[in-house]
Amino acid sequence: MLGPGTFFGERSLMTGEVRSATTVAKTDVECYRLAKADLEQVLVARPEVAEAMAEILARRQSQLSSHREDASREARDRHIASEKRAIVGKIRAFFGLKN
């Protein structure tokens, strides 16, 4: 979730990489678009901005990776639980046990 004063789309703008995410507003928002040429002027005048942006990019990538790992673990755990239920059902059926 992003709040007032935050930004998105920085990876594509800063590195030229293909966009890898979609942003959807839950409420009305006021948004500004920054073109590469405009950012270039800022970076020429204030090169330290590139360092600050790189820090943000690295943090966001780390958070995204952690989130994806958590989602993968949850999916794996759900799959294991589902398989366990199925196997228990087969064992019970095979031995004539009550559920």
N, C-alpha and C. Protein backbone atom coordinates (compact mmCIF):
# COMPACT_ATOMS: atom_id res chain seq x y z
N MET A 1 0.85 -1.18 0.00
CA MET A 1 0.00 0.00 0.00
C MET A 1 0.89 1.24 0.00
N LEU A 2 0.55 2.15 -0.86
CA LEU A 2 1.30 3.40 -0.95
C LEU A 2 0.42 4.52 -0.42
N GLY A 3 1.03 5.49 0.19
CA GLY A 3 0.28 6.61 0.74
C GLY A 3 0.72 7.92 0.13
N PRO A 4 0.24 9.01 0.69
CA PRO A 4 0.57 10.34 0.18
C PRO A 4 2.08 10.56 0.13
N GLY A 5 2.53 11.17 -0.95
CA GLY A 5 3.94 11.51 -1.09
C GLY A 5 4.82 10.37 -1.56
N THR A 6 4.25 9.19 -1.80
CA THR A 6 5.06 8.08 -2.27
C THR A 6 5.00 7.99 -3.79
N PHE A 7 5.74 7.05 -4.33
CA PHE A 7 5.81 6.96 -5.78
C PHE A 7 5.89 5.51 -6.20
N PHE A 8 5.65 5.27 -7.49
CA PHE A 8 5.74 3.94 -8.05
C PHE A 8 6.23 4.06 -9.48
N GLY A 9 6.65 2.92 -10.05
CA GLY A 9 7.16 2.94 -11.41
C GLY A 9 8.60 3.39 -11.51
N GLU A 10 9.25 3.49 -10.37
CA GLU A 10 10.61 4.03 -10.35
C GLU A 10 11.63 3.11 -11.02
N ARG A 11 11.44 1.79 -10.93
CA ARG A 11 12.42 0.89 -11.51
C ARG A 11 12.51 1.09 -13.03
N SER A 12 11.38 1.14 -13.69
CA SER A 12 11.38 1.37 -15.14
C SER A 12 12.00 2.72 -15.48
N LEU A 13 11.61 3.73 -14.73
CA LEU A 13 12.12 5.07 -14.99
C LEU A 13 13.62 5.17 -14.76
N MET A 14 14.11 4.52 -13.71
CA MET A 14 15.52 4.65 -13.34
C MET A 14 16.45 3.72 -14.11
N THR A 15 15.93 2.58 -14.58
CA THR A 15 16.82 1.59 -15.20
C THR A 15 16.45 1.24 -16.63
N GLY A 16 15.26 1.62 -17.07
CA GLY A 16 14.81 1.25 -18.41
C GLY A 16 14.24 -0.15 -18.49
N GLU A 17 14.17 -0.85 -17.34
CA GLU A 17 13.61 -2.21 -17.33
C GLU A 17 12.13 -2.16 -17.67
N VAL A 18 11.63 -3.28 -18.17
CA VAL A 18 10.21 -3.40 -18.47
C VAL A 18 9.43 -3.36 -17.16
N ARG A 19 8.30 -2.71 -17.19
CA ARG A 19 7.43 -2.62 -16.01
C ARG A 19 7.08 -4.01 -15.53
N SER A 20 7.16 -4.24 -14.22
CA SER A 20 6.91 -5.58 -13.68
C SER A 20 5.74 -5.61 -12.71
N ALA A 21 5.05 -4.52 -12.55
CA ALA A 21 3.94 -4.48 -11.60
C ALA A 21 2.84 -3.57 -12.13
N THR A 22 1.68 -3.75 -11.56
CA THR A 22 0.53 -2.90 -11.89
C THR A 22 0.08 -2.22 -10.60
N THR A 23 -0.26 -0.97 -10.70
CA THR A 23 -0.73 -0.21 -9.55
C THR A 23 -2.20 0.12 -9.77
N VAL A 24 -3.00 -0.12 -8.73
CA VAL A 24 -4.43 0.15 -8.80
C VAL A 24 -4.80 1.05 -7.62
N ALA A 25 -5.46 2.15 -7.92
CA ALA A 25 -5.88 3.08 -6.86
C ALA A 25 -7.18 2.59 -6.24
N LYS A 26 -7.23 2.61 -4.91
CA LYS A 26 -8.46 2.23 -4.20
C LYS A 26 -9.37 3.44 -4.00
N THR A 27 -8.80 4.62 -4.14
CA THR A 27 -9.57 5.86 -3.98
C THR A 27 -9.12 6.82 -5.08
N ASP A 28 -9.74 7.97 -5.13
CA ASP A 28 -9.28 9.01 -6.05
C ASP A 28 -7.88 9.44 -5.64
N VAL A 29 -7.02 9.65 -6.61
CA VAL A 29 -5.65 10.08 -6.33
C VAL A 29 -5.25 11.18 -7.31
N GLU A 30 -4.26 11.93 -6.90
CA GLU A 30 -3.64 12.89 -7.80
C GLU A 30 -2.26 12.35 -8.09
N CYS A 31 -1.99 12.14 -9.36
CA CYS A 31 -0.77 11.47 -9.78
C CYS A 31 0.00 12.35 -10.76
N TYR A 32 1.31 12.31 -10.68
CA TYR A 32 2.16 13.05 -11.61
C TYR A 32 3.04 12.06 -12.34
N ARG A 33 3.29 12.34 -13.60
CA ARG A 33 4.16 11.49 -14.42
C ARG A 33 5.45 12.25 -14.66
N LEU A 34 6.56 11.55 -14.46
CA LEU A 34 7.87 12.15 -14.66
C LEU A 34 8.53 11.47 -15.85
N ALA A 35 8.91 12.23 -16.83
CA ALA A 35 9.57 11.69 -18.03
C ALA A 35 11.06 11.52 -17.78
N LYS A 36 11.67 10.61 -18.51
CA LYS A 36 13.10 10.35 -18.38
C LYS A 36 13.92 11.64 -18.56
N ALA A 37 13.58 12.44 -19.54
CA ALA A 37 14.33 13.67 -19.81
C ALA A 37 14.27 14.62 -18.61
N ASP A 38 13.12 14.68 -17.95
CA ASP A 38 12.99 15.53 -16.77
C ASP A 38 13.82 15.00 -15.62
N LEU A 39 13.80 13.68 -15.43
CA LEU A 39 14.59 13.08 -14.36
C LEU A 39 16.08 13.24 -14.64
N GLU A 40 16.44 13.14 -15.89
CA GLU A 40 17.85 13.30 -16.26
C GLU A 40 18.38 14.67 -15.82
N GLN A 41 17.58 15.71 -15.99
CA GLN A 41 17.99 17.04 -15.56
C GLN A 41 18.23 17.07 -14.05
N VAL A 42 17.35 16.42 -13.31
CA VAL A 42 17.51 16.37 -11.85
C VAL A 42 18.79 15.62 -11.50
N LEU A 43 19.03 14.46 -12.13
CA LEU A 43 20.21 13.66 -11.80
C LEU A 43 21.52 14.35 -12.18
N VAL A 44 21.50 15.12 -13.25
CA VAL A 44 22.70 15.87 -13.62
C VAL A 44 22.98 16.94 -12.57
N ALA A 45 21.93 17.61 -12.13
CA ALA A 45 22.09 18.68 -11.13
C ALA A 45 22.37 18.12 -9.74
N ARG A 46 21.78 16.96 -9.43
CA ARG A 46 21.91 16.37 -8.08
C ARG A 46 22.16 14.87 -8.18
N PRO A 47 23.38 14.46 -8.48
CA PRO A 47 23.70 13.04 -8.66
C PRO A 47 23.38 12.17 -7.44
N GLU A 48 23.35 12.76 -6.28
CA GLU A 48 23.06 11.99 -5.05
C GLU A 48 21.63 11.43 -5.05
N VAL A 49 20.77 11.99 -5.88
CA VAL A 49 19.40 11.48 -5.99
C VAL A 49 19.42 10.04 -6.51
N ALA A 50 20.37 9.72 -7.39
CA ALA A 50 20.48 8.36 -7.91
C ALA A 50 20.77 7.37 -6.78
N GLU A 51 21.63 7.76 -5.85
CA GLU A 51 21.94 6.90 -4.69
C GLU A 51 20.69 6.68 -3.84
N ALA A 52 19.96 7.75 -3.58
CA ALA A 52 18.75 7.64 -2.76
C ALA A 52 17.71 6.75 -3.44
N MET A 53 17.56 6.91 -4.74
CA MET A 53 16.60 6.10 -5.48
C MET A 53 17.03 4.64 -5.50
N ALA A 54 18.33 4.40 -5.66
CA ALA A 54 18.84 3.02 -5.66
C ALA A 54 18.56 2.34 -4.32
N GLU A 55 18.68 3.08 -3.25
CA GLU A 55 18.37 2.54 -1.92
C GLU A 55 16.90 2.12 -1.85
N ILE A 56 16.03 2.96 -2.35
CA ILE A 56 14.59 2.66 -2.34
C ILE A 56 14.30 1.45 -3.23
N LEU A 57 14.92 1.41 -4.40
CA LEU A 57 14.73 0.27 -5.31
C LEU A 57 15.17 -1.03 -4.65
N ALA A 58 16.32 -1.01 -4.00
CA ALA A 58 16.83 -2.21 -3.35
C ALA A 58 15.91 -2.66 -2.22
N ARG A 59 15.43 -1.72 -1.41
CA ARG A 59 14.51 -2.07 -0.31
C ARG A 59 13.21 -2.65 -0.85
N ARG A 60 12.65 -2.03 -1.86
CA ARG A 60 11.39 -2.53 -2.42
C ARG A 60 11.56 -3.91 -3.04
N GLN A 61 12.68 -4.13 -3.71
CA GLN A 61 12.93 -5.45 -4.30
C GLN A 61 13.04 -6.50 -3.21
N SER A 62 13.71 -6.17 -2.13
CA SER A 62 13.84 -7.09 -1.01
C SER A 62 12.48 -7.40 -0.38
N GLN A 63 11.66 -6.37 -0.19
CA GLN A 63 10.32 -6.57 0.36
C GLN A 63 9.47 -7.43 -0.56
N LEU A 64 9.56 -7.20 -1.86
CA LEU A 64 8.79 -7.97 -2.82
C LEU A 64 9.23 -9.43 -2.80
N SER A 65 10.53 -9.66 -2.76
CA SER A 65 11.03 -11.03 -2.71
C SER A 65 10.54 -11.74 -1.45
N SER A 66 10.58 -11.06 -0.32
CA SER A 66 10.10 -11.64 0.93
C SER A 66 8.62 -11.97 0.84
N HIS A 67 7.84 -11.06 0.27
CA HIS A 67 6.40 -11.27 0.13
C HIS A 67 6.13 -12.48 -0.77
N ARG A 68 6.85 -12.58 -1.86
CA ARG A 68 6.67 -13.72 -2.77
C ARG A 68 7.05 -15.03 -2.10
N GLU A 69 8.12 -15.02 -1.31
CA GLU A 69 8.53 -16.23 -0.59
C GLU A 69 7.46 -16.64 0.41
N ASP A 70 6.91 -15.66 1.14
CA ASP A 70 5.85 -15.95 2.10
C ASP A 70 4.63 -16.53 1.40
N ALA A 71 4.26 -15.95 0.25
CA ALA A 71 3.11 -16.45 -0.50
C ALA A 71 3.38 -17.87 -0.99
N SER A 72 4.61 -18.14 -1.42
CA SER A 72 4.95 -19.48 -1.89
C SER A 72 4.89 -20.48 -0.74
N ARG A 73 5.38 -20.09 0.44
CA ARG A 73 5.32 -20.97 1.61
C ARG A 73 3.88 -21.27 1.98
N GLU A 74 3.04 -20.24 1.96
CA GLU A 74 1.62 -20.44 2.29
C GLU A 74 0.96 -21.38 1.30
N ALA A 75 1.24 -21.20 0.02
CA ALA A 75 0.66 -22.08 -1.01
C ALA A 75 1.16 -23.51 -0.82
N ARG A 76 2.45 -23.66 -0.54
CA ARG A 76 3.01 -24.99 -0.30
C ARG A 76 2.36 -25.64 0.91
N ASP A 77 2.21 -24.87 2.00
CA ASP A 77 1.59 -25.40 3.22
C ASP A 77 0.14 -25.81 2.97
N ARG A 78 -0.60 -25.02 2.18
CA ARG A 78 -1.99 -25.39 1.84
C ARG A 78 -2.02 -26.67 1.02
N HIS A 79 -1.09 -26.79 0.08
CA HIS A 79 -1.03 -27.99 -0.75
C HIS A 79 -0.71 -29.22 0.10
N ILE A 80 0.24 -29.10 1.01
CA ILE A 80 0.60 -30.21 1.89
C ILE A 80 -0.60 -30.61 2.74
N ALA A 81 -1.30 -29.62 3.30
CA ALA A 81 -2.47 -29.92 4.14
C ALA A 81 -3.54 -30.64 3.33
N SER A 82 -3.75 -30.20 2.09
CA SER A 82 -4.74 -30.82 1.22
C SER A 82 -4.35 -32.26 0.90
N GLU A 83 -3.09 -32.46 0.56
CA GLU A 83 -2.59 -33.81 0.26
C GLU A 83 -2.71 -34.71 1.48
N LYS A 84 -2.39 -34.16 2.64
CA LYS A 84 -2.49 -34.94 3.89
C LYS A 84 -3.92 -35.41 4.11
N ARG A 85 -4.89 -34.51 3.92
CA ARG A 85 -6.29 -34.90 4.09
C ARG A 85 -6.67 -36.01 3.11
N ALA A 86 -6.21 -35.88 1.87
CA ALA A 86 -6.53 -36.90 0.87
C ALA A 86 -5.91 -38.24 1.23
N ILE A 87 -4.67 -38.23 1.68
CA ILE A 87 -3.99 -39.48 2.04
C ILE A 87 -4.63 -40.11 3.27
N VAL A 88 -4.95 -39.29 4.26
CA VAL A 88 -5.62 -39.82 5.46
C VAL A 88 -6.94 -40.48 5.06
N GLY A 89 -7.67 -39.85 4.15
CA GLY A 89 -8.92 -40.44 3.67
C GLY A 89 -8.70 -41.80 3.03
N LYS A 90 -7.65 -41.92 2.23
CA LYS A 90 -7.33 -43.18 1.57
C LYS A 90 -6.92 -44.25 2.59
N ILE A 91 -6.12 -43.85 3.57
CA ILE A 91 -5.71 -44.80 4.61
C ILE A 91 -6.92 -45.30 5.37
N ARG A 92 -7.79 -44.37 5.76
CA ARG A 92 -9.00 -44.75 6.51
C ARG A 92 -9.88 -45.68 5.68
N ALA A 93 -10.03 -45.33 4.41
CA ALA A 93 -10.85 -46.17 3.54
C ALA A 93 -10.23 -47.56 3.38
N PHE A 94 -8.94 -47.61 3.20
CA PHE A 94 -8.25 -48.88 2.99
C PHE A 94 -8.37 -49.80 4.20
N PHE A 95 -8.28 -49.21 5.41
CA PHE A 95 -8.36 -50.00 6.63
C PHE A 95 -9.76 -50.07 7.22
N GLY A 96 -10.71 -49.44 6.55
CA GLY A 96 -12.09 -49.47 7.03
C GLY A 96 -12.29 -48.69 8.31
N LEU A 97 -11.52 -47.62 8.50
CA LEU A 97 -11.62 -46.80 9.70
C LEU A 97 -12.70 -45.74 9.52
N LYS A 98 -13.29 -45.32 10.64
CA LYS A 98 -14.29 -44.26 10.57
C LYS A 98 -13.59 -42.91 10.44
N ASN A 99 -14.26 -42.00 9.77
CA ASN A 99 -13.71 -40.64 9.60
C ASN A 99 -13.79 -39.86 10.85
